[in-house]
Amino acid sequence: MNKKSEPTLETLSFEQAYRELEETVQKLEVGNLPLEEALALYQRGMVLAQYCNRQLDSAELRIKTLAPSGEWVDFDEA
């Protein structure tokens, strides 16, 4: 994977980053990549996973802020 063609995390939405992460995992699971390419993909995947986790943590914090009691709010029942 060419680093110059990789978009920066700041330009990716959560959905775009998650989609790229899924594609990266699929490529790694096939297992027919040269070592250097596999390592680059693994590294990018880890960065994407951390980014997605931070986005999810941020969303959870915002939801908890909306529910000041700190109790879980089931939006499906609301």
N, C-alpha and C. Protein backbone atom coordinates (compact mmCIF):
# COMPACT_ATOMS: atom_id res chain seq x y z
N MET A 1 0.85 -1.18 0.00
CA MET A 1 0.00 0.00 0.00
C MET A 1 0.89 1.23 0.00
N ASN A 2 0.62 2.16 -0.85
CA ASN A 2 1.40 3.36 -0.98
C ASN A 2 0.93 4.39 0.03
N LYS A 3 1.86 4.81 0.90
CA LYS A 3 1.49 5.75 1.95
C LYS A 3 0.97 7.07 1.38
N LYS A 4 1.45 7.48 0.21
CA LYS A 4 1.02 8.74 -0.37
C LYS A 4 -0.45 8.70 -0.78
N SER A 5 -0.97 7.51 -1.07
CA SER A 5 -2.36 7.41 -1.50
C SER A 5 -3.33 7.24 -0.33
N GLU A 6 -2.78 7.02 0.87
CA GLU A 6 -3.65 6.84 2.04
C GLU A 6 -4.17 8.19 2.50
N PRO A 7 -5.47 8.32 2.65
CA PRO A 7 -6.00 9.58 3.19
C PRO A 7 -5.63 9.71 4.67
N THR A 8 -5.48 10.94 5.11
CA THR A 8 -5.18 11.15 6.53
C THR A 8 -6.44 10.89 7.33
N LEU A 9 -6.24 10.49 8.58
CA LEU A 9 -7.38 10.19 9.44
C LEU A 9 -8.29 11.39 9.61
N GLU A 10 -7.71 12.58 9.64
CA GLU A 10 -8.51 13.79 9.84
C GLU A 10 -9.52 14.00 8.73
N THR A 11 -9.26 13.43 7.56
CA THR A 11 -10.18 13.63 6.43
C THR A 11 -11.21 12.52 6.33
N LEU A 12 -11.08 11.47 7.15
CA LEU A 12 -12.00 10.33 7.06
C LEU A 12 -13.14 10.46 8.06
N SER A 13 -14.32 10.10 7.60
CA SER A 13 -15.42 9.95 8.54
C SER A 13 -15.25 8.59 9.23
N PHE A 14 -16.01 8.36 10.28
CA PHE A 14 -15.96 7.07 10.95
C PHE A 14 -16.28 5.96 9.97
N GLU A 15 -17.32 6.16 9.16
CA GLU A 15 -17.75 5.14 8.22
C GLU A 15 -16.68 4.82 7.19
N GLN A 16 -15.99 5.85 6.70
CA GLN A 16 -14.92 5.62 5.73
C GLN A 16 -13.76 4.86 6.37
N ALA A 17 -13.39 5.25 7.60
CA ALA A 17 -12.29 4.58 8.29
C ALA A 17 -12.65 3.13 8.58
N TYR A 18 -13.88 2.88 9.00
CA TYR A 18 -14.30 1.52 9.30
C TYR A 18 -14.31 0.66 8.04
N ARG A 19 -14.77 1.23 6.93
CA ARG A 19 -14.78 0.50 5.66
C ARG A 19 -13.35 0.15 5.23
N GLU A 20 -12.45 1.11 5.36
CA GLU A 20 -11.05 0.86 5.01
C GLU A 20 -10.46 -0.21 5.93
N LEU A 21 -10.83 -0.17 7.20
CA LEU A 21 -10.35 -1.18 8.15
C LEU A 21 -10.85 -2.56 7.75
N GLU A 22 -12.12 -2.67 7.38
CA GLU A 22 -12.65 -3.96 6.94
C GLU A 22 -11.92 -4.48 5.70
N GLU A 23 -11.66 -3.60 4.75
CA GLU A 23 -10.95 -3.98 3.53
C GLU A 23 -9.53 -4.44 3.86
N THR A 24 -8.90 -3.75 4.79
CA THR A 24 -7.54 -4.09 5.21
C THR A 24 -7.51 -5.48 5.84
N VAL A 25 -8.46 -5.75 6.72
CA VAL A 25 -8.53 -7.06 7.36
C VAL A 25 -8.75 -8.15 6.32
N GLN A 26 -9.62 -7.91 5.36
CA GLN A 26 -9.87 -8.90 4.31
C GLN A 26 -8.60 -9.20 3.52
N LYS A 27 -7.85 -8.16 3.17
CA LYS A 27 -6.61 -8.37 2.43
C LYS A 27 -5.60 -9.18 3.25
N LEU A 28 -5.52 -8.88 4.54
CA LEU A 28 -4.58 -9.60 5.40
C LEU A 28 -5.01 -11.05 5.59
N GLU A 29 -6.31 -11.30 5.66
CA GLU A 29 -6.80 -12.66 5.85
C GLU A 29 -6.50 -13.56 4.65
N VAL A 30 -6.45 -12.99 3.46
CA VAL A 30 -6.13 -13.77 2.27
C VAL A 30 -4.72 -14.35 2.40
N GLY A 31 -3.80 -13.53 2.89
CA GLY A 31 -2.48 -14.02 3.24
C GLY A 31 -1.50 -14.21 2.10
N ASN A 32 -1.76 -13.68 0.93
CA ASN A 32 -0.84 -13.86 -0.18
C ASN A 32 -0.06 -12.59 -0.52
N LEU A 33 0.23 -11.78 0.50
CA LEU A 33 0.91 -10.51 0.29
C LEU A 33 2.40 -10.65 0.62
N PRO A 34 3.22 -9.87 -0.05
CA PRO A 34 4.63 -9.81 0.36
C PRO A 34 4.72 -9.27 1.80
N LEU A 35 5.75 -9.67 2.49
CA LEU A 35 5.89 -9.32 3.90
C LEU A 35 5.79 -7.82 4.15
N GLU A 36 6.51 -7.02 3.38
CA GLU A 36 6.50 -5.57 3.59
C GLU A 36 5.11 -4.98 3.40
N GLU A 37 4.38 -5.46 2.41
CA GLU A 37 3.02 -4.97 2.18
C GLU A 37 2.09 -5.40 3.31
N ALA A 38 2.25 -6.62 3.77
CA ALA A 38 1.43 -7.11 4.88
C ALA A 38 1.70 -6.30 6.15
N LEU A 39 2.97 -5.99 6.40
CA LEU A 39 3.31 -5.18 7.58
C LEU A 39 2.73 -3.78 7.48
N ALA A 40 2.80 -3.18 6.29
CA ALA A 40 2.24 -1.84 6.09
C ALA A 40 0.73 -1.86 6.28
N LEU A 41 0.08 -2.90 5.75
CA LEU A 41 -1.37 -3.01 5.92
C LEU A 41 -1.74 -3.21 7.38
N TYR A 42 -0.97 -4.05 8.07
CA TYR A 42 -1.23 -4.28 9.50
C TYR A 42 -1.10 -2.98 10.28
N GLN A 43 -0.05 -2.23 9.99
CA GLN A 43 0.17 -0.96 10.69
C GLN A 43 -0.98 0.01 10.41
N ARG A 44 -1.39 0.12 9.16
CA ARG A 44 -2.50 1.01 8.82
C ARG A 44 -3.78 0.54 9.50
N GLY A 45 -3.98 -0.78 9.53
CA GLY A 45 -5.16 -1.33 10.20
C GLY A 45 -5.20 -0.98 11.67
N MET A 46 -4.05 -1.05 12.34
CA MET A 46 -4.00 -0.71 13.76
C MET A 46 -4.33 0.77 13.97
N VAL A 47 -3.82 1.62 13.10
CA VAL A 47 -4.11 3.06 13.20
C VAL A 47 -5.60 3.30 12.98
N LEU A 48 -6.16 2.64 11.99
CA LEU A 48 -7.60 2.79 11.71
C LEU A 48 -8.44 2.27 12.88
N ALA A 49 -8.05 1.14 13.46
CA ALA A 49 -8.80 0.57 14.59
C ALA A 49 -8.77 1.53 15.78
N GLN A 50 -7.61 2.10 16.06
CA GLN A 50 -7.51 3.06 17.16
C GLN A 50 -8.37 4.29 16.90
N TYR A 51 -8.34 4.77 15.66
CA TYR A 51 -9.15 5.93 15.29
C TYR A 51 -10.64 5.63 15.47
N CYS A 52 -11.08 4.47 14.99
CA CYS A 52 -12.49 4.09 15.12
C CYS A 52 -12.88 3.95 16.59
N ASN A 53 -12.02 3.37 17.39
CA ASN A 53 -12.30 3.23 18.83
C ASN A 53 -12.42 4.59 19.50
N ARG A 54 -11.54 5.52 19.13
CA ARG A 54 -11.64 6.87 19.70
C ARG A 54 -12.95 7.53 19.31
N GLN A 55 -13.37 7.36 18.06
CA GLN A 55 -14.62 7.94 17.59
C GLN A 55 -15.81 7.35 18.36
N LEU A 56 -15.79 6.03 18.57
CA LEU A 56 -16.88 5.38 19.31
C LEU A 56 -16.89 5.82 20.77
N ASP A 57 -15.70 5.93 21.38
CA ASP A 57 -15.62 6.41 22.76
C ASP A 57 -16.17 7.82 22.89
N SER A 58 -15.85 8.66 21.91
CA SER A 58 -16.34 10.04 21.91
C SER A 58 -17.87 10.07 21.79
N ALA A 59 -18.41 9.24 20.91
CA ALA A 59 -19.86 9.18 20.74
C ALA A 59 -20.53 8.70 22.03
N GLU A 60 -19.93 7.70 22.68
CA GLU A 60 -20.49 7.19 23.93
C GLU A 60 -20.49 8.28 25.00
N LEU A 61 -19.40 9.04 25.08
CA LEU A 61 -19.32 10.12 26.05
C LEU A 61 -20.38 11.18 25.77
N ARG A 62 -20.61 11.50 24.51
CA ARG A 62 -21.64 12.48 24.17
C ARG A 62 -23.02 11.98 24.55
N ILE A 63 -23.26 10.69 24.38
CA ILE A 63 -24.56 10.12 24.75
C ILE A 63 -24.73 10.17 26.26
N LYS A 64 -23.67 9.84 27.00
CA LYS A 64 -23.75 9.89 28.46
C LYS A 64 -23.99 11.32 28.95
N THR A 65 -23.43 12.28 28.21
CA THR A 65 -23.65 13.67 28.57
C THR A 65 -25.12 14.04 28.38
N LEU A 66 -25.75 13.47 27.37
CA LEU A 66 -27.16 13.73 27.13
C LEU A 66 -28.05 13.06 28.18
N ALA A 67 -27.54 12.01 28.81
CA ALA A 67 -28.26 11.31 29.87
C ALA A 67 -27.50 11.56 31.18
N PRO A 68 -27.71 12.73 31.82
CA PRO A 68 -26.92 13.14 32.96
C PRO A 68 -26.90 12.14 34.12
N SER A 69 -27.90 11.32 34.25
CA SER A 69 -27.90 10.37 35.36
C SER A 69 -26.84 9.30 35.19
N GLY A 70 -26.27 9.21 33.98
CA GLY A 70 -25.27 8.20 33.71
C GLY A 70 -25.87 6.83 33.44
N GLU A 71 -27.20 6.76 33.48
CA GLU A 71 -27.85 5.48 33.21
C GLU A 71 -27.90 5.24 31.71
N TRP A 72 -27.93 3.98 31.36
CA TRP A 72 -28.01 3.60 29.96
C TRP A 72 -29.36 4.01 29.40
N VAL A 73 -29.34 4.63 28.25
CA VAL A 73 -30.55 5.04 27.57
C VAL A 73 -30.72 4.15 26.35
N ASP A 74 -31.83 3.41 26.31
CA ASP A 74 -32.12 2.56 25.16
C ASP A 74 -32.93 3.35 24.17
N PHE A 75 -32.25 3.82 23.10
CA PHE A 75 -32.90 4.68 22.13
C PHE A 75 -33.94 3.94 21.30
N ASP A 76 -33.86 2.61 21.26
CA ASP A 76 -34.85 1.84 20.51
C ASP A 76 -36.22 1.89 21.19
N GLU A 77 -36.22 2.04 22.51
CA GLU A 77 -37.47 2.10 23.25
C GLU A 77 -37.98 3.51 23.46
N ALA A 78 -37.15 4.49 23.15
CA ALA A 78 -37.53 5.89 23.37
C ALA A 78 -38.53 6.37 22.36
